[in-house]
Amino acid sequence: MSLAATAPHGFLSPTGVEIAFLLVGLVTLGAALITVTTRQLVHAALWLVVTLGGLAVEYLLLTAEFIAWVQVLIYVGSVVVLLLFGLMLTRAPIGRSPDADSGNRLPALVVAAGSAGALVWVVTDAFRATWIDLDGPAAGTTRVTGESLFRHWVLPFEALSVLLLAALVGAIVLSRKTKAEAAGTPSLTKTPGEKEGAR
């Protein structure tokens, strides 16, 4: 066995899977930036599909097939569809929307950079000497992932479900209110005398 075959794996000798992981990560990062910077709400939702799909591909490259398909089914197949339904029910503008920019880009950029830096530091510190064998069997099985999700994370999981339901109900209420205002519904607080005077 040659010395090159026994040498430890390093950053200067990336494999094809690691190169693909980096490229997909760059595409996902670009799609995420477009999602939060575009002024077209429908385009933001569609770019969010690209972002979440890129994360699913990253999970596949990390041999976490179950998490990848959960990402596709729940986030791409449910959350994005819910957002699109909310946009349709609230009659959001299809084109550019000047109201989509709150003017807080600098504080948002500072918070995002700080959160990203903290996340990278925590993950790097926790898995500094850990390597994933991409050529071996999958590290996490469906049973282990399901037990961890519904034993330790069941409360956040159900809270997210309630939050999504509340968002859909709020979109329906806003759409009904907008429809009533557009139709010119008379106010129900007028007295009979006011109605007769109007005649």
C-alpha atoms as a PDB file:
ATOM      1  CA  MET A   1       0.000   0.000   0.000  1.00  0.00           C
ATOM      2  CA  SER A   2       1.433   3.359  -1.041  1.00  0.00           C
ATOM      3  CA  LEU A   3       2.010   6.307   1.224  1.00  0.00           C
ATOM      4  CA  ALA A   4      -0.583   8.371  -0.666  1.00  0.00           C
ATOM      5  CA  ALA A   5      -3.262   5.783   0.044  1.00  0.00           C
ATOM      6  CA  THR A   6      -2.541   5.788   3.784  1.00  0.00           C
ATOM      7  CA  ALA A   7      -2.252   9.578   4.099  1.00  0.00           C
ATOM      8  CA  PRO A   8      -5.002  11.245   6.088  1.00  0.00           C
ATOM      9  CA  HIS A   9      -7.685  13.061   4.183  1.00  0.00           C
ATOM     10  CA  GLY A  10      -7.258  16.829   4.097  1.00  0.00           C
ATOM     11  CA  PHE A  11      -8.774  20.003   2.692  1.00  0.00           C
ATOM     12  CA  LEU A  12      -6.214  20.160  -0.129  1.00  0.00           C
ATOM     13  CA  SER A  13      -7.384  16.857  -1.627  1.00  0.00           C
ATOM     14  CA  PRO A  14     -11.180  17.159  -1.913  1.00  0.00           C
ATOM     15  CA  THR A  15     -13.250  14.354  -3.334  1.00  0.00           C
ATOM     16  CA  GLY A  16     -15.943  14.696  -5.973  1.00  0.00           C
ATOM     17  CA  VAL A  17     -18.673  14.565  -3.351  1.00  0.00           C
ATOM     18  CA  GLU A  18     -17.068  17.399  -1.387  1.00  0.00           C
ATOM     19  CA  ILE A  19     -16.723  19.530  -4.527  1.00  0.00           C
ATOM     20  CA  ALA A  20     -20.400  18.901  -5.350  1.00  0.00           C
ATOM     21  CA  PHE A  21     -21.294  19.780  -1.740  1.00  0.00           C
ATOM     22  CA  LEU A  22     -19.462  23.102  -2.069  1.00  0.00           C
ATOM     23  CA  LEU A  23     -21.039  23.967  -5.431  1.00  0.00           C
ATOM     24  CA  VAL A  24     -24.565  23.124  -4.267  1.00  0.00           C
ATOM     25  CA  GLY A  25     -23.916  25.143  -1.112  1.00  0.00           C
ATOM     26  CA  LEU A  26     -22.944  28.205  -3.166  1.00  0.00           C
ATOM     27  CA  VAL A  27     -26.079  27.877  -5.303  1.00  0.00           C
ATOM     28  CA  THR A  28     -28.212  27.508  -2.167  1.00  0.00           C
ATOM     29  CA  LEU A  29     -26.589  30.565  -0.584  1.00  0.00           C
ATOM     30  CA  GLY A  30     -27.199  32.617  -3.727  1.00  0.00           C
ATOM     31  CA  ALA A  31     -30.860  31.538  -3.852  1.00  0.00           C
ATOM     32  CA  ALA A  32     -31.274  32.426  -0.165  1.00  0.00           C
ATOM     33  CA  LEU A  33     -29.829  35.907  -0.752  1.00  0.00           C
ATOM     34  CA  ILE A  34     -32.205  36.484  -3.670  1.00  0.00           C
ATOM     35  CA  THR A  35     -35.107  35.277  -1.519  1.00  0.00           C
ATOM     36  CA  VAL A  36     -34.563  37.945   1.129  1.00  0.00           C
ATOM     37  CA  THR A  37     -33.584  40.780  -1.235  1.00  0.00           C
ATOM     38  CA  THR A  38     -36.121  40.553  -4.065  1.00  0.00           C
ATOM     39  CA  ARG A  39     -39.145  42.868  -4.016  1.00  0.00           C
ATOM     40  CA  GLN A  40     -41.404  40.428  -5.849  1.00  0.00           C
ATOM     41  CA  LEU A  41     -43.166  38.259  -3.295  1.00  0.00           C
ATOM     42  CA  VAL A  42     -43.998  35.442  -5.696  1.00  0.00           C
ATOM     43  CA  HIS A  43     -40.397  35.294  -6.901  1.00  0.00           C
ATOM     44  CA  ALA A  44     -39.235  35.202  -3.276  1.00  0.00           C
ATOM     45  CA  ALA A  45     -41.430  32.153  -2.648  1.00  0.00           C
ATOM     46  CA  LEU A  46     -40.103  30.417  -5.764  1.00  0.00           C
ATOM     47  CA  TRP A  47     -36.482  31.164  -4.869  1.00  0.00           C
ATOM     48  CA  LEU A  48     -37.253  29.746  -1.431  1.00  0.00           C
ATOM     49  CA  VAL A  49     -38.097  26.485  -3.214  1.00  0.00           C
ATOM     50  CA  VAL A  50     -34.610  26.518  -4.766  1.00  0.00           C
ATOM     51  CA  THR A  51     -33.039  27.215  -1.358  1.00  0.00           C
ATOM     52  CA  LEU A  52     -34.864  24.404   0.427  1.00  0.00           C
ATOM     53  CA  GLY A  53     -34.233  22.040  -2.484  1.00  0.00           C
ATOM     54  CA  GLY A  54     -30.526  22.824  -2.303  1.00  0.00           C
ATOM     55  CA  LEU A  55     -30.541  21.924   1.388  1.00  0.00           C
ATOM     56  CA  ALA A  56     -32.191  18.611   0.518  1.00  0.00           C
ATOM     57  CA  VAL A  57     -29.395  17.898  -1.964  1.00  0.00           C
ATOM     58  CA  GLU A  58     -26.833  18.710   0.730  1.00  0.00           C
ATOM     59  CA  TYR A  59     -28.491  16.184   3.038  1.00  0.00           C
ATOM     60  CA  LEU A  60     -28.327  13.576   0.279  1.00  0.00           C
ATOM     61  CA  LEU A  61     -24.622  14.231  -0.191  1.00  0.00           C
ATOM     62  CA  LEU A  62     -24.164  13.726   3.562  1.00  0.00           C
ATOM     63  CA  THR A  63     -25.872  10.290   3.285  1.00  0.00           C
ATOM     64  CA  ALA A  64     -28.896  11.499   5.273  1.00  0.00           C
ATOM     65  CA  GLU A  65     -31.545  10.314   2.833  1.00  0.00           C
ATOM     66  CA  PHE A  66     -34.425  10.340   5.316  1.00  0.00           C
ATOM     67  CA  ILE A  67     -33.784  13.940   6.367  1.00  0.00           C
ATOM     68  CA  ALA A  68     -33.473  14.926   2.688  1.00  0.00           C
ATOM     69  CA  TRP A  69     -36.889  13.514   1.791  1.00  0.00           C
ATOM     70  CA  VAL A  70     -38.441  15.023   4.916  1.00  0.00           C
ATOM     71  CA  GLN A  71     -36.996  18.349   3.777  1.00  0.00           C
ATOM     72  CA  VAL A  72     -38.654  17.945   0.369  1.00  0.00           C
ATOM     73  CA  LEU A  73     -42.019  16.696   1.655  1.00  0.00           C
ATOM     74  CA  ILE A  74     -42.489  19.085   4.578  1.00  0.00           C
ATOM     75  CA  TYR A  75     -40.711  22.276   3.574  1.00  0.00           C
ATOM     76  CA  VAL A  76     -40.843  22.271  -0.228  1.00  0.00           C
ATOM     77  CA  GLY A  77     -44.156  20.420  -0.435  1.00  0.00           C
ATOM     78  CA  SER A  78     -46.009  22.029   2.475  1.00  0.00           C
ATOM     79  CA  VAL A  79     -44.461  25.244   3.761  1.00  0.00           C
ATOM     80  CA  VAL A  80     -43.865  26.794   0.335  1.00  0.00           C
ATOM     81  CA  VAL A  81     -47.331  25.749  -0.848  1.00  0.00           C
ATOM     82  CA  LEU A  82     -48.760  27.384   2.290  1.00  0.00           C
ATOM     83  CA  LEU A  83     -46.855  30.588   1.511  1.00  0.00           C
ATOM     84  CA  LEU A  84     -48.144  30.607  -2.066  1.00  0.00           C
ATOM     85  CA  PHE A  85     -51.713  30.061  -0.850  1.00  0.00           C
ATOM     86  CA  GLY A  86     -51.261  32.928   1.593  1.00  0.00           C
ATOM     87  CA  LEU A  87     -50.038  35.189  -1.213  1.00  0.00           C
ATOM     88  CA  MET A  88     -53.016  34.258  -3.378  1.00  0.00           C
ATOM     89  CA  LEU A  89     -55.577  34.653  -0.592  1.00  0.00           C
ATOM     90  CA  THR A  90     -54.251  38.075   0.440  1.00  0.00           C
ATOM     91  CA  ARG A  91     -54.072  39.182  -3.206  1.00  0.00           C
ATOM     92  CA  ALA A  92     -50.405  40.049  -3.000  1.00  0.00           C
ATOM     93  CA  PRO A  93     -49.084  41.959  -6.035  1.00  0.00           C
ATOM     94  CA  ILE A  94     -47.514  39.808  -8.730  1.00  0.00           C
ATOM     95  CA  GLY A  95     -44.960  42.419  -9.791  1.00  0.00           C
ATOM     96  CA  ARG A  96     -42.567  44.556  -7.794  1.00  0.00           C
ATOM     97  CA  SER A  97     -43.942  45.617  -4.434  1.00  0.00           C
ATOM     98  CA  PRO A  98     -42.476  48.786  -2.864  1.00  0.00           C
ATOM     99  CA  ASP A  99     -43.919  47.745   0.503  1.00  0.00           C
ATOM    100  CA  ALA A 100     -41.679  44.650   0.569  1.00  0.00           C
ATOM    101  CA  ASP A 101     -38.689  46.751   1.706  1.00  0.00           C
ATOM    102  CA  SER A 102     -38.931  47.895   5.319  1.00  0.00           C
ATOM    103  CA  GLY A 103     -35.736  49.947   5.149  1.00  0.00           C
ATOM    104  CA  ASN A 104     -33.992  47.910   7.861  1.00  0.00           C
ATOM    105  CA  ARG A 105     -31.417  46.256   5.631  1.00  0.00           C
ATOM    106  CA  LEU A 106     -28.386  47.298   7.680  1.00  0.00           C
ATOM    107  CA  PRO A 107     -29.682  45.985  11.043  1.00  0.00           C
ATOM    108  CA  ALA A 108     -30.910  42.835   9.321  1.00  0.00           C
ATOM    109  CA  LEU A 109     -27.483  42.339   7.725  1.00  0.00           C
ATOM    110  CA  VAL A 110     -25.746  42.772  11.084  1.00  0.00           C
ATOM    111  CA  VAL A 111     -28.080  40.272  12.791  1.00  0.00           C
ATOM    112  CA  ALA A 112     -27.729  37.783   9.924  1.00  0.00           C
ATOM    113  CA  ALA A 113     -23.916  38.042   9.932  1.00  0.00           C
ATOM    114  CA  GLY A 114     -23.785  37.603  13.698  1.00  0.00           C
ATOM    115  CA  SER A 115     -26.131  34.604  13.612  1.00  0.00           C
ATOM    116  CA  ALA A 116     -24.184  32.990  10.760  1.00  0.00           C
ATOM    117  CA  GLY A 117     -20.877  33.539  12.563  1.00  0.00           C
ATOM    118  CA  ALA A 118     -22.212  32.052  15.801  1.00  0.00           C
ATOM    119  CA  LEU A 119     -23.662  29.053  13.965  1.00  0.00           C
ATOM    120  CA  VAL A 120     -20.434  28.378  12.075  1.00  0.00           C
ATOM    121  CA  TRP A 121     -18.392  28.664  15.281  1.00  0.00           C
ATOM    122  CA  VAL A 122     -20.676  26.308  17.225  1.00  0.00           C
ATOM    123  CA  VAL A 123     -20.781  23.674  14.482  1.00  0.00           C
ATOM    124  CA  THR A 124     -17.030  23.881  13.855  1.00  0.00           C
ATOM    125  CA  ASP A 125     -16.249  23.599  17.558  1.00  0.00           C
ATOM    126  CA  ALA A 126     -18.615  20.644  18.024  1.00  0.00           C
ATOM    127  CA  PHE A 127     -17.448  18.641  14.988  1.00  0.00           C
ATOM    128  CA  ARG A 128     -13.847  19.786  14.715  1.00  0.00           C
ATOM    129  CA  ALA A 129     -12.334  16.288  14.524  1.00  0.00           C
ATOM    130  CA  THR A 130     -15.362  14.457  13.107  1.00  0.00           C
ATOM    131  CA  TRP A 131     -15.372  13.093   9.565  1.00  0.00           C
ATOM    132  CA  ILE A 132     -18.344  11.529   7.812  1.00  0.00           C
ATOM    133  CA  ASP A 133     -17.637   8.395   5.819  1.00  0.00           C
ATOM    134  CA  LEU A 134     -19.509   9.221   2.615  1.00  0.00           C
ATOM    135  CA  ASP A 135     -18.613   5.860   1.058  1.00  0.00           C
ATOM    136  CA  GLY A 136     -19.941   3.805   3.975  1.00  0.00           C
ATOM    137  CA  PRO A 137     -23.493   3.024   5.088  1.00  0.00           C
ATOM    138  CA  ALA A 138     -25.872   5.789   6.109  1.00  0.00           C
ATOM    139  CA  ALA A 139     -25.108   7.070   9.593  1.00  0.00           C
ATOM    140  CA  GLY A 140     -28.717   7.707  10.662  1.00  0.00           C
ATOM    141  CA  THR A 141     -31.633   5.362  10.146  1.00  0.00           C
ATOM    142  CA  THR A 142     -35.314   6.266   9.895  1.00  0.00           C
ATOM    143  CA  ARG A 143     -36.028   4.628  13.245  1.00  0.00           C
ATOM    144  CA  VAL A 144     -33.325   6.535  15.120  1.00  0.00           C
ATOM    145  CA  THR A 145     -34.299   9.854  13.521  1.00  0.00           C
ATOM    146  CA  GLY A 146     -38.004   9.303  14.224  1.00  0.00           C
ATOM    147  CA  GLU A 147     -37.387   8.393  17.854  1.00  0.00           C
ATOM    148  CA  SER A 148     -35.223  11.481  18.337  1.00  0.00           C
ATOM    149  CA  LEU A 149     -37.779  13.743  16.641  1.00  0.00           C
ATOM    150  CA  PHE A 150     -40.892  12.566  18.466  1.00  0.00           C
ATOM    151  CA  ARG A 151     -39.222  11.990  21.825  1.00  0.00           C
ATOM    152  CA  HIS A 152     -37.075  15.102  22.269  1.00  0.00           C
ATOM    153  CA  TRP A 153     -38.449  17.553  19.678  1.00  0.00           C
ATOM    154  CA  VAL A 154     -42.171  16.795  19.662  1.00  0.00           C
ATOM    155  CA  LEU A 155     -43.166  20.130  21.285  1.00  0.00           C
ATOM    156  CA  PRO A 156     -41.384  22.359  18.705  1.00  0.00           C
ATOM    157  CA  PHE A 157     -42.755  20.091  15.948  1.00  0.00           C
ATOM    158  CA  GLU A 158     -46.350  20.581  17.110  1.00  0.00           C
ATOM    159  CA  ALA A 159     -45.781  24.303  17.777  1.00  0.00           C
ATOM    160  CA  LEU A 160     -44.672  24.721  14.179  1.00  0.00           C
ATOM    161  CA  SER A 161     -47.843  22.979  12.989  1.00  0.00           C
ATOM    162  CA  VAL A 162     -50.016  25.355  15.035  1.00  0.00           C
ATOM    163  CA  LEU A 163     -48.030  28.341  13.714  1.00  0.00           C
ATOM    164  CA  LEU A 164     -48.599  27.289  10.097  1.00  0.00           C
ATOM    165  CA  LEU A 165     -52.306  26.783  10.763  1.00  0.00           C
ATOM    166  CA  ALA A 166     -52.548  30.240  12.353  1.00  0.00           C
ATOM    167  CA  ALA A 167     -50.799  31.773   9.327  1.00  0.00           C
ATOM    168  CA  LEU A 168     -53.294  30.170   6.938  1.00  0.00           C
ATOM    169  CA  VAL A 169     -56.288  31.282   9.049  1.00  0.00           C
ATOM    170  CA  GLY A 170     -54.872  34.818   9.179  1.00  0.00           C
ATOM    171  CA  ALA A 171     -54.502  34.867   5.385  1.00  0.00           C
ATOM    172  CA  ILE A 172     -58.141  33.806   4.990  1.00  0.00           C
ATOM    173  CA  VAL A 173     -59.335  36.531   7.408  1.00  0.00           C
ATOM    174  CA  LEU A 174     -57.313  39.200   5.605  1.00  0.00           C
ATOM    175  CA  SER A 175     -58.630  38.093   2.213  1.00  0.00           C
ATOM    176  CA  ARG A 176     -62.268  38.256   3.392  1.00  0.00           C
ATOM    177  CA  LYS A 177     -61.734  41.722   4.874  1.00  0.00           C
ATOM    178  CA  THR A 178     -60.113  43.003   1.679  1.00  0.00           C
ATOM    179  CA  LYS A 179     -62.945  41.548  -0.411  1.00  0.00           C
ATOM    180  CA  ALA A 180     -65.594  43.208   1.767  1.00  0.00           C
ATOM    181  CA  GLU A 181     -63.846  46.606   1.561  1.00  0.00           C
ATOM    182  CA  ALA A 182     -63.484  46.332  -2.208  1.00  0.00           C
ATOM    183  CA  ALA A 183     -67.196  45.551  -2.604  1.00  0.00           C
ATOM    184  CA  GLY A 184     -68.132  48.673  -0.624  1.00  0.00           C
ATOM    185  CA  THR A 185     -70.124  46.902   2.073  1.00  0.00           C
ATOM    186  CA  PRO A 186     -72.115  49.481   4.096  1.00  0.00           C
ATOM    187  CA  SER A 187     -71.279  49.820   7.747  1.00  0.00           C
ATOM    188  CA  LEU A 188     -73.488  47.882  10.146  1.00  0.00           C
ATOM    189  CA  THR A 189     -73.226  50.581  12.826  1.00  0.00           C
ATOM    190  CA  LYS A 190     -75.539  53.072  11.104  1.00  0.00           C
ATOM    191  CA  THR A 191     -78.860  53.803  12.779  1.00  0.00           C
ATOM    192  CA  PRO A 192     -82.164  53.430  10.932  1.00  0.00           C
ATOM    193  CA  GLY A 193     -82.545  57.236  10.924  1.00  0.00           C
ATOM    194  CA  GLU A 194     -79.223  57.679   9.149  1.00  0.00           C
ATOM    195  CA  LYS A 195     -80.249  55.130   6.525  1.00  0.00           C
ATOM    196  CA  GLU A 196     -83.550  56.926   5.890  1.00  0.00           C
ATOM    197  CA  GLY A 197     -81.766  60.264   5.669  1.00  0.00           C
ATOM    198  CA  ALA A 198     -79.408  58.850   3.104  1.00  0.00           C
ATOM    199  CA  ARG A 199     -82.394  57.848   0.974  1.00  0.00           C
END
